[in-house]
Amino acid sequence: MAVALPAAGLLAACGDDEPAAGAEYPTGPVTLTFYWWGGEARAKLTDDALNLYTKAHPNVTITRTWQAFTGYYDKLATISAGGNAPDIFQIDDNGLAEYASRNVTLDLSPYTKSGAIDVSKHPKSLTEYGQLKGKQVAIATGENTPAIIYDKTILTELGLALPKVGMTYEEIITWGAEVSAKKPGYWGLMDPSSDYKALWLWLRAQGKEFYSDNKIAFSEADLIAWFQLWVDARAKNAVPPADVVHEAVTGSVATQLVVTKKAAVSFMWSNQLSEMQKATKNDLAMTAYPGDPKGQWARASTYWAASRTTKNAVVVADLINFLVNNVEAGKVQGVDRGLPSNLDVRTAVSDSLTDQKMKDTVAFENEITPKFGPAPAPPPKGHSGLRNTLRDIAETVTYGKATPEAAAKQFFTQAAAALA
């Protein structure tokens, strides 16, 4: 499993010796380790925000490490071994329950209760989305939602209508086949059958859920229908052959088929529009995933979590507070990690944006959010590995090595073990 921590690390991380809140901010030298994933654009924005902090706190040195998303959790597991997790690290809801349940994360509740990390201007749902078993295990960096990102330039050149909110999956697959027919060697849609969030939203639009507590909430028949939907889409030439699909299944921005100009639509997150636009000269735009928008929800895009064994908890809390609540830090970061959690910062950032795609992200979120359904609970421990399991099993169907029925059966067998 992608976020399984080495046993030695688990033993070393156990105990109740968390640093106490309420200590004085140190005046002597402090060094923090800071770890995140993202592309080069995110790296620069994050660096700039951290530089603002160290300029105001010259006694603080921040050792920074970043990488692409692929392999991020593997590396985080490795460096967290022996209770050596980075002082602050980026995490999402795929790893939240995993790291919290393994006692890696610092309980930030004392800092939110004291106001050292001020969440008074954050939407309550975002704050709660970082809570597990009564503890504030992480702070949302921002709010986002899944979005399909499409190549407006090519679609306009082909004279085709642009995808829009409320299209059914059947409608967008038919549309995708029309794109493929108009431009041989180019396809309408990425195949999202291995994308857990696409499956989740497809289920929610039907009034179902992915999880109920720590169990799968949908049926084997549901998953068969999902896999068959994309088998049929391939038969209609709406999605690419398996080898092309495989290029993009990791989720890396650089390999997305919209960026590599192999498909008109990629299934991504709303906050990724700006970074994807930097990777292509074609004009990109976005809309909601297919299906009823009630299936979507305002999600914590990523979180800042802290190590339970940090020796500088007061500074860690202060830096997290700075990143999510300081207006200038917000302006520097823009909407790369979603719309800012602090509503005042969100307004200031929206007013100051010069990046057109970041402006488009804000406009999209503001337009679509009123149509959303309620947010589900964060995924349970084991979700990150199960997400990879779905990816791998779905690819056996994509390559024609397994039927939807056999693949669904295999998934449920492995899911039962992963969530046990």
Protein backbone atom coordinates (compact mmCIF):
# COMPACT_ATOMS: atom_id res chain seq x y z
CA MET A 1 0.00 0.00 0.00
CA ALA A 2 1.28 3.39 -1.00
CA VAL A 3 1.28 4.89 2.48
CA ALA A 4 2.08 1.82 4.54
CA LEU A 5 4.73 2.83 7.04
CA PRO A 6 7.63 0.58 7.93
CA ALA A 7 7.04 -1.35 11.15
CA ALA A 8 10.08 0.15 12.86
CA GLY A 9 8.75 3.59 12.14
CA LEU A 10 5.41 2.71 13.68
CA LEU A 11 6.95 1.52 16.89
CA ALA A 12 9.13 4.58 17.18
CA ALA A 13 6.20 6.87 16.56
CA CYS A 14 3.97 5.44 19.26
CA GLY A 15 3.42 7.11 22.61
CA ASP A 16 1.77 10.17 24.04
CA ASP A 17 4.71 12.56 24.29
CA GLU A 18 3.29 15.23 21.99
CA PRO A 19 4.73 18.70 22.52
CA ALA A 20 2.54 20.91 24.65
CA ALA A 21 0.74 23.90 23.17
CA GLY A 22 1.10 27.34 24.69
CA ALA A 23 4.88 27.58 24.79
CA GLU A 24 6.64 30.83 23.87
CA TYR A 25 7.79 31.43 20.31
CA PRO A 26 11.56 30.74 20.34
CA THR A 27 14.08 33.50 19.73
CA GLY A 28 17.01 31.20 18.98
CA PRO A 29 17.74 29.39 15.72
CA VAL A 30 15.05 26.99 14.50
CA THR A 31 15.24 24.62 11.53
CA LEU A 32 12.08 23.07 10.09
CA THR A 33 11.75 20.38 7.45
CA PHE A 34 8.99 21.02 4.95
CA TYR A 35 7.81 18.50 2.33
CA TRP A 36 5.22 18.70 -0.46
CA TRP A 37 4.33 17.45 -3.91
CA GLY A 38 3.57 19.38 -7.08
CA GLY A 39 5.06 20.68 -10.28
CA GLU A 40 7.60 23.43 -10.75
CA ALA A 41 4.94 26.14 -10.69
CA ARG A 42 3.75 25.00 -7.25
CA ALA A 43 7.32 24.72 -6.03
CA LYS A 44 8.00 28.36 -6.86
CA LEU A 45 4.77 29.61 -5.28
CA THR A 46 5.45 27.60 -2.13
CA ASP A 47 9.03 28.82 -1.94
CA ASP A 48 7.87 32.42 -2.29
CA ALA A 49 5.34 32.02 0.53
CA LEU A 50 7.92 30.37 2.80
CA ASN A 51 10.38 33.16 2.04
CA LEU A 52 7.82 35.68 3.26
CA TYR A 53 7.71 33.81 6.56
CA THR A 54 11.47 33.52 7.03
CA LYS A 55 11.88 37.19 6.16
CA ALA A 56 9.59 38.02 9.08
CA HIS A 57 11.24 35.35 11.26
CA PRO A 58 14.97 35.41 10.40
CA ASN A 59 15.75 32.90 13.17
CA VAL A 60 13.81 30.23 11.23
CA THR A 61 15.41 28.15 8.48
CA ILE A 62 13.13 25.96 6.38
CA THR A 63 14.67 22.92 4.68
CA ARG A 64 12.43 22.30 1.68
CA THR A 65 11.82 19.14 -0.33
CA TRP A 66 9.32 18.68 -3.13
CA GLN A 67 8.65 16.19 -5.88
CA ALA A 68 6.01 15.04 -8.35
CA PHE A 69 2.98 13.27 -6.90
CA THR A 70 4.10 9.89 -8.25
CA GLY A 71 6.02 8.19 -5.45
CA TYR A 72 5.33 10.98 -2.96
CA TYR A 73 3.64 8.80 -0.37
CA ASP A 74 6.25 6.09 -0.78
CA LYS A 75 8.97 8.59 0.04
CA LEU A 76 6.98 10.12 2.88
CA ALA A 77 6.60 6.67 4.42
CA THR A 78 10.34 6.12 4.15
CA ILE A 79 11.40 9.41 5.70
CA SER A 80 8.73 9.08 8.41
CA ALA A 81 10.29 5.84 9.63
CA GLY A 82 11.61 6.00 13.16
CA GLY A 83 9.42 8.98 14.04
CA ASN A 84 11.27 11.27 11.65
CA ALA A 85 8.37 12.68 9.64
CA PRO A 86 8.97 16.19 8.24
CA ASP A 87 7.98 18.95 10.63
CA ILE A 88 5.31 20.02 8.13
CA PHE A 89 4.14 17.95 5.17
CA GLN A 90 1.46 18.16 2.54
CA ILE A 91 -1.17 15.44 2.60
CA ASP A 92 -4.56 14.82 1.06
CA ASP A 93 -7.57 12.79 2.08
CA ASN A 94 -6.02 9.71 0.51
CA GLY A 95 -3.45 9.56 3.31
CA LEU A 96 -5.12 11.52 6.08
CA ALA A 97 -6.68 8.64 8.02
CA GLU A 98 -3.65 6.46 7.34
CA TYR A 99 -1.10 8.80 8.88
CA ALA A 100 -3.35 9.96 11.69
CA SER A 101 -4.26 6.41 12.74
CA ARG A 102 -0.58 5.45 12.74
CA ASN A 103 0.18 8.27 15.20
CA VAL A 104 2.43 10.16 12.79
CA THR A 105 0.53 13.47 12.81
CA LEU A 106 0.57 16.08 15.53
CA ASP A 107 -2.82 16.83 17.10
CA LEU A 108 -3.39 20.46 16.12
CA SER A 109 -6.56 20.81 18.24
CA PRO A 110 -4.82 22.74 21.05
CA TYR A 111 -3.58 25.26 18.49
CA THR A 112 -6.95 25.70 16.77
CA LYS A 113 -8.67 26.04 20.15
CA SER A 114 -6.17 28.65 21.37
CA GLY A 115 -6.29 30.56 18.09
CA ALA A 116 -2.62 29.94 17.34
CA ILE A 117 -4.02 28.40 14.17
CA ASP A 118 -7.05 30.58 13.51
CA VAL A 119 -9.87 28.72 11.74
CA SER A 120 -12.60 31.23 12.62
CA LYS A 121 -12.76 32.51 9.03
CA HIS A 122 -12.59 29.03 7.44
CA PRO A 123 -15.74 27.24 6.28
CA LYS A 124 -16.70 24.83 9.05
CA SER A 125 -16.92 21.94 6.60
CA LEU A 126 -13.29 22.44 5.55
CA THR A 127 -12.06 22.49 9.14
CA GLU A 128 -14.08 19.40 10.00
CA TYR A 129 -12.74 17.61 6.92
CA GLY A 130 -9.37 17.59 8.68
CA GLN A 131 -10.71 16.04 11.89
CA LEU A 132 -10.62 12.38 12.86
CA LYS A 133 -11.77 10.92 16.17
CA GLY A 134 -12.00 14.31 17.82
CA LYS A 135 -8.56 15.50 16.78
CA GLN A 136 -7.62 18.21 14.30
CA VAL A 137 -5.04 16.15 12.45
CA ALA A 138 -4.52 18.58 9.56
CA ILE A 139 -5.53 22.03 8.26
CA ALA A 140 -7.03 22.42 4.79
CA THR A 141 -4.82 24.44 2.45
CA GLY A 142 -7.82 25.30 0.33
CA GLU A 143 -11.00 24.11 -1.31
CA ASN A 144 -11.38 22.44 -4.67
CA THR A 145 -13.47 19.95 -6.57
CA PRO A 146 -12.95 17.50 -9.42
CA ALA A 147 -13.15 19.12 -12.85
CA ILE A 148 -12.72 17.96 -16.41
CA ILE A 149 -10.13 20.08 -18.17
CA TYR A 150 -10.52 20.33 -21.92
CA ASP A 151 -8.66 21.73 -24.92
CA LYS A 152 -10.79 24.65 -26.04
CA THR A 153 -8.45 25.47 -28.95
CA ILE A 154 -8.75 22.11 -30.69
CA LEU A 155 -12.46 21.73 -30.01
CA THR A 156 -13.12 25.17 -31.49
CA GLU A 157 -10.99 24.32 -34.53
CA LEU A 158 -13.04 21.14 -35.01
CA GLY A 159 -16.28 23.10 -34.76
CA LEU A 160 -17.57 21.01 -31.85
CA ALA A 161 -19.62 22.10 -28.85
CA LEU A 162 -17.72 22.40 -25.60
CA PRO A 163 -18.50 20.04 -22.71
CA LYS A 164 -20.83 21.54 -20.12
CA VAL A 165 -22.27 21.04 -16.65
CA GLY A 166 -24.96 18.37 -16.47
CA MET A 167 -23.90 16.16 -19.38
CA THR A 168 -24.53 12.52 -18.61
CA TYR A 169 -21.73 10.01 -19.04
CA GLU A 170 -23.55 8.56 -22.01
CA GLU A 171 -23.75 12.02 -23.59
CA ILE A 172 -20.10 12.84 -23.06
CA ILE A 173 -19.02 9.44 -24.41
CA THR A 174 -21.08 10.06 -27.57
CA TRP A 175 -19.50 13.52 -27.77
CA GLY A 176 -16.05 11.99 -27.27
CA ALA A 177 -16.61 9.63 -30.19
CA GLU A 178 -17.50 12.65 -32.37
CA VAL A 179 -14.20 14.30 -31.41
CA SER A 180 -12.25 11.15 -32.31
CA ALA A 181 -14.03 10.88 -35.65
CA LYS A 182 -13.20 14.49 -36.51
CA LYS A 183 -9.47 14.14 -35.76
CA PRO A 184 -7.94 10.70 -36.44
CA GLY A 185 -5.19 9.79 -33.97
CA TYR A 186 -6.75 12.07 -31.36
CA TRP A 187 -9.43 11.04 -28.88
CA GLY A 188 -12.31 12.72 -27.17
CA LEU A 189 -11.79 11.57 -23.61
CA MET A 190 -9.23 10.16 -21.24
CA ASP A 191 -10.49 6.81 -19.90
CA PRO A 192 -11.21 7.56 -16.20
CA SER A 193 -12.20 4.01 -15.24
CA SER A 194 -9.15 3.79 -12.95
CA ASP A 195 -9.83 7.20 -11.34
CA TYR A 196 -11.34 6.76 -7.89
CA LYS A 197 -12.82 10.27 -7.83
CA ALA A 198 -14.60 9.72 -11.17
CA LEU A 199 -16.07 6.48 -9.84
CA TRP A 200 -17.01 8.19 -6.57
CA LEU A 201 -18.84 11.04 -8.30
CA TRP A 202 -20.57 8.61 -10.67
CA LEU A 203 -21.83 6.71 -7.61
CA ARG A 204 -22.89 9.84 -5.73
CA ALA A 205 -24.89 11.11 -8.71
CA GLN A 206 -26.93 7.92 -8.27
CA GLY A 207 -27.40 8.50 -4.56
CA LYS A 208 -24.68 6.04 -3.54
CA GLU A 209 -21.36 6.42 -1.75
CA PHE A 210 -17.88 4.99 -2.05
CA TYR A 211 -17.49 4.26 1.67
CA SER A 212 -19.63 3.73 4.72
CA ASP A 213 -17.34 3.99 7.74
CA ASN A 214 -14.49 1.63 6.87
CA LYS A 215 -16.34 -0.50 4.32
CA ILE A 216 -17.11 -0.24 0.62
CA ALA A 217 -20.62 1.18 0.26
CA PHE A 218 -21.35 0.19 -3.34
CA SER A 219 -21.93 -3.21 -4.87
CA GLU A 220 -19.96 -5.49 -7.15
CA ALA A 221 -22.69 -4.91 -9.76
CA ASP A 222 -22.04 -1.17 -9.58
CA LEU A 223 -18.35 -1.66 -10.31
CA ILE A 224 -19.10 -4.04 -13.17
CA ALA A 225 -21.35 -1.38 -14.69
CA TRP A 226 -18.61 1.25 -14.27
CA PHE A 227 -15.96 -0.86 -15.99
CA GLN A 228 -18.39 -1.84 -18.75
CA LEU A 229 -19.21 1.82 -19.39
CA TRP A 230 -15.59 2.42 -20.43
CA VAL A 231 -15.25 -0.87 -22.32
CA ASP A 232 -18.18 0.34 -24.43
CA ALA A 233 -16.63 3.81 -24.74
CA ARG A 234 -13.46 2.25 -26.16
CA ALA A 235 -15.52 0.23 -28.62
CA LYS A 236 -17.01 3.54 -29.81
CA ASN A 237 -13.48 5.03 -30.13
CA ALA A 238 -14.36 7.73 -27.59
CA VAL A 239 -11.29 6.91 -25.45
CA PRO A 240 -7.74 5.96 -26.50
CA PRO A 241 -6.17 2.52 -26.62
CA ALA A 242 -4.74 1.13 -23.39
CA ASP A 243 -1.12 2.16 -23.98
CA VAL A 244 -2.10 5.82 -24.43
CA VAL A 245 -4.38 5.74 -21.37
CA HIS A 246 -1.56 4.21 -19.32
CA GLU A 247 0.59 7.31 -19.92
CA ALA A 248 -1.73 9.44 -17.81
CA VAL A 249 -3.08 7.18 -15.06
CA THR A 250 -0.60 8.38 -12.42
CA GLY A 251 -2.28 11.80 -12.33
CA SER A 252 0.90 13.77 -13.05
CA VAL A 253 0.07 17.06 -14.76
CA ALA A 254 2.87 16.69 -17.32
CA THR A 255 1.50 13.40 -18.69
CA GLN A 256 -2.16 14.34 -18.98
CA LEU A 257 -3.54 13.70 -22.46
CA VAL A 258 -4.83 17.26 -22.77
CA VAL A 259 -1.27 18.49 -22.18
CA THR A 260 0.32 15.93 -24.52
CA LYS A 261 -2.39 16.71 -27.12
CA LYS A 262 -3.66 13.15 -27.38
CA ALA A 263 -7.18 13.75 -26.05
CA ALA A 264 -9.59 16.65 -25.68
CA VAL A 265 -10.55 15.95 -22.05
CA SER A 266 -8.62 15.01 -18.89
CA PHE A 267 -10.28 14.18 -15.56
CA MET A 268 -8.48 16.33 -12.99
CA TRP A 269 -8.98 18.80 -10.10
CA SER A 270 -10.17 22.39 -10.52
CA ASN A 271 -7.02 23.89 -8.99
CA GLN A 272 -4.82 22.15 -11.59
CA LEU A 273 -6.05 24.27 -14.51
CA SER A 274 -3.39 26.97 -14.09
CA GLU A 275 -0.49 24.53 -13.86
CA MET A 276 -1.75 22.50 -16.84
CA GLN A 277 -2.13 25.67 -18.89
CA LYS A 278 1.55 26.42 -18.36
CA ALA A 279 2.39 23.11 -20.04
CA THR A 280 0.59 23.81 -23.34
CA LYS A 281 0.07 26.70 -25.74
CA ASN A 282 -3.50 25.63 -26.45
CA ASP A 283 -6.24 27.36 -24.48
CA LEU A 284 -7.59 25.12 -21.72
CA ALA A 285 -10.89 25.43 -19.88
CA MET A 286 -12.87 23.33 -17.43
CA THR A 287 -16.30 22.24 -16.35
CA ALA A 288 -17.82 19.76 -13.92
CA TYR A 289 -17.48 16.01 -14.19
CA PRO A 290 -20.36 14.38 -16.06
CA GLY A 291 -23.51 13.59 -14.15
CA ASP A 292 -25.63 15.56 -11.71
CA PRO A 293 -23.44 18.16 -9.93
CA LYS A 294 -25.02 17.07 -6.65
CA GLY A 295 -22.51 14.23 -6.78
CA GLN A 296 -19.68 16.73 -6.31
CA TRP A 297 -18.69 18.48 -3.10
CA ALA A 298 -16.43 21.24 -1.82
CA ARG A 299 -13.35 19.25 -0.89
CA ALA A 300 -10.22 20.11 1.00
CA SER A 301 -7.76 20.14 -1.89
CA THR A 302 -4.77 19.31 0.29
CA TYR A 303 -3.83 19.75 3.93
CA TRP A 304 -0.87 20.84 5.99
CA ALA A 305 -0.07 18.22 8.61
CA ALA A 306 2.68 18.26 11.22
CA SER A 307 4.87 15.61 12.73
CA ARG A 308 3.91 14.47 16.22
CA THR A 309 7.63 14.30 17.06
CA THR A 310 8.52 17.81 15.94
CA LYS A 311 10.74 19.69 18.39
CA ASN A 312 9.35 23.04 17.23
CA ALA A 313 5.59 22.67 17.51
CA VAL A 314 4.97 26.35 18.29
CA VAL A 315 6.81 27.44 15.15
CA VAL A 316 5.13 24.71 13.10
CA ALA A 317 1.69 25.90 14.21
CA ASP A 318 2.64 29.51 13.53
CA LEU A 319 3.88 28.68 10.03
CA ILE A 320 0.72 26.71 9.18
CA ASN A 321 -1.34 29.63 10.49
CA PHE A 322 0.69 31.99 8.29
CA LEU A 323 0.25 29.88 5.16
CA VAL A 324 -3.54 29.63 5.49
CA ASN A 325 -4.40 33.02 7.04
CA ASN A 326 -1.86 35.62 5.94
CA VAL A 327 -3.17 37.74 3.07
CA GLU A 328 0.23 38.26 1.42
CA ALA A 329 1.02 34.55 1.65
CA GLY A 330 -2.38 33.88 0.13
CA LYS A 331 -1.73 36.23 -2.76
CA VAL A 332 1.61 34.56 -3.46
CA GLN A 333 0.09 31.06 -3.49
CA GLY A 334 -2.98 32.06 -5.47
CA VAL A 335 -5.36 29.14 -6.02
CA ASP A 336 -2.72 26.53 -6.78
CA ARG A 337 -3.89 24.44 -3.82
CA GLY A 338 -7.52 25.43 -4.25
CA LEU A 339 -9.48 28.47 -3.16
CA PRO A 340 -7.93 29.75 0.11
CA SER A 341 -9.55 28.31 3.23
CA ASN A 342 -9.73 31.72 4.93
CA LEU A 343 -12.69 33.53 3.35
CA ASP A 344 -11.13 36.97 3.78
CA VAL A 345 -7.93 35.76 2.14
CA ARG A 346 -10.02 34.17 -0.60
CA THR A 347 -11.61 37.52 -1.42
CA ALA A 348 -8.26 39.30 -1.40
CA VAL A 349 -6.68 36.64 -3.59
CA SER A 350 -9.57 36.69 -6.05
CA ASP A 351 -9.27 40.47 -6.38
CA SER A 352 -5.50 40.34 -6.89
CA LEU A 353 -5.17 37.48 -9.37
CA THR A 354 -3.39 38.20 -12.64
CA ASP A 355 -3.19 34.59 -13.84
CA GLN A 356 -6.27 34.19 -16.04
CA LYS A 357 -6.59 30.47 -15.38
CA MET A 358 -6.52 31.08 -11.64
CA LYS A 359 -9.32 33.61 -12.18
CA ASP A 360 -11.18 30.97 -14.17
CA THR A 361 -10.76 28.54 -11.28
CA VAL A 362 -12.33 30.99 -8.84
CA ALA A 363 -15.20 31.72 -11.23
CA PHE A 364 -15.83 28.01 -11.78
CA GLU A 365 -15.86 27.21 -8.07
CA ASN A 366 -18.16 30.13 -7.29
CA GLU A 367 -20.56 29.06 -10.04
CA ILE A 368 -20.64 25.34 -9.33
CA THR A 369 -20.49 25.22 -5.51
CA PRO A 370 -24.20 26.04 -4.95
CA LYS A 371 -25.07 22.91 -6.98
CA PHE A 372 -22.99 20.56 -4.85
CA GLY A 373 -24.27 17.88 -2.53
CA PRO A 374 -23.07 17.43 1.07
CA ALA A 375 -19.48 16.34 1.62
CA PRO A 376 -18.88 12.72 2.63
CA ALA A 377 -16.64 11.76 5.52
CA PRO A 378 -12.91 11.61 4.72
CA PRO A 379 -11.88 8.22 3.31
CA PRO A 380 -10.88 5.58 5.85
CA LYS A 381 -7.46 4.15 6.55
CA GLY A 382 -6.44 2.00 3.62
CA HIS A 383 -7.97 4.29 0.99
CA SER A 384 -4.69 5.36 -0.59
CA GLY A 385 -3.65 1.79 -1.25
CA LEU A 386 -7.14 0.91 -2.41
CA ARG A 387 -7.08 3.80 -4.84
CA ASN A 388 -3.97 2.26 -6.39
CA THR A 389 -5.66 -1.13 -6.38
CA LEU A 390 -8.55 0.32 -8.38
CA ARG A 391 -6.08 1.84 -10.83
CA ASP A 392 -4.23 -1.42 -11.36
CA ILE A 393 -7.34 -3.59 -11.64
CA ALA A 394 -9.08 -1.14 -13.97
CA GLU A 395 -6.06 -1.28 -16.25
CA THR A 396 -6.47 -5.05 -16.61
CA VAL A 397 -9.88 -4.29 -18.12
CA THR A 398 -8.47 -1.49 -20.27
CA TYR A 399 -5.85 -3.87 -21.69
CA GLY A 400 -8.45 -6.61 -22.22
CA LYS A 401 -6.75 -8.95 -19.74
CA ALA A 402 -9.81 -9.21 -17.50
CA THR A 403 -13.58 -8.89 -17.94
CA PRO A 404 -15.46 -6.26 -15.93
CA GLU A 405 -16.94 -9.11 -13.88
CA ALA A 406 -13.58 -10.68 -13.02
CA ALA A 407 -12.00 -7.30 -12.29
CA ALA A 408 -14.85 -6.24 -9.99
CA LYS A 409 -14.62 -9.51 -8.07
CA GLN A 410 -10.87 -9.06 -7.65
CA PHE A 411 -11.33 -5.48 -6.44
CA PHE A 412 -13.83 -6.46 -3.76
CA THR A 413 -11.60 -9.28 -2.54
CA GLN A 414 -8.64 -6.91 -2.19
CA ALA A 415 -10.78 -4.12 -0.75
CA ALA A 416 -12.00 -6.35 2.07
CA ALA A 417 -8.40 -7.05 3.04
CA ALA A 418 -7.23 -3.45 2.64
CA LEU A 419 -10.00 -2.04 4.84
CA ALA A 420 -10.03 -4.81 7.44
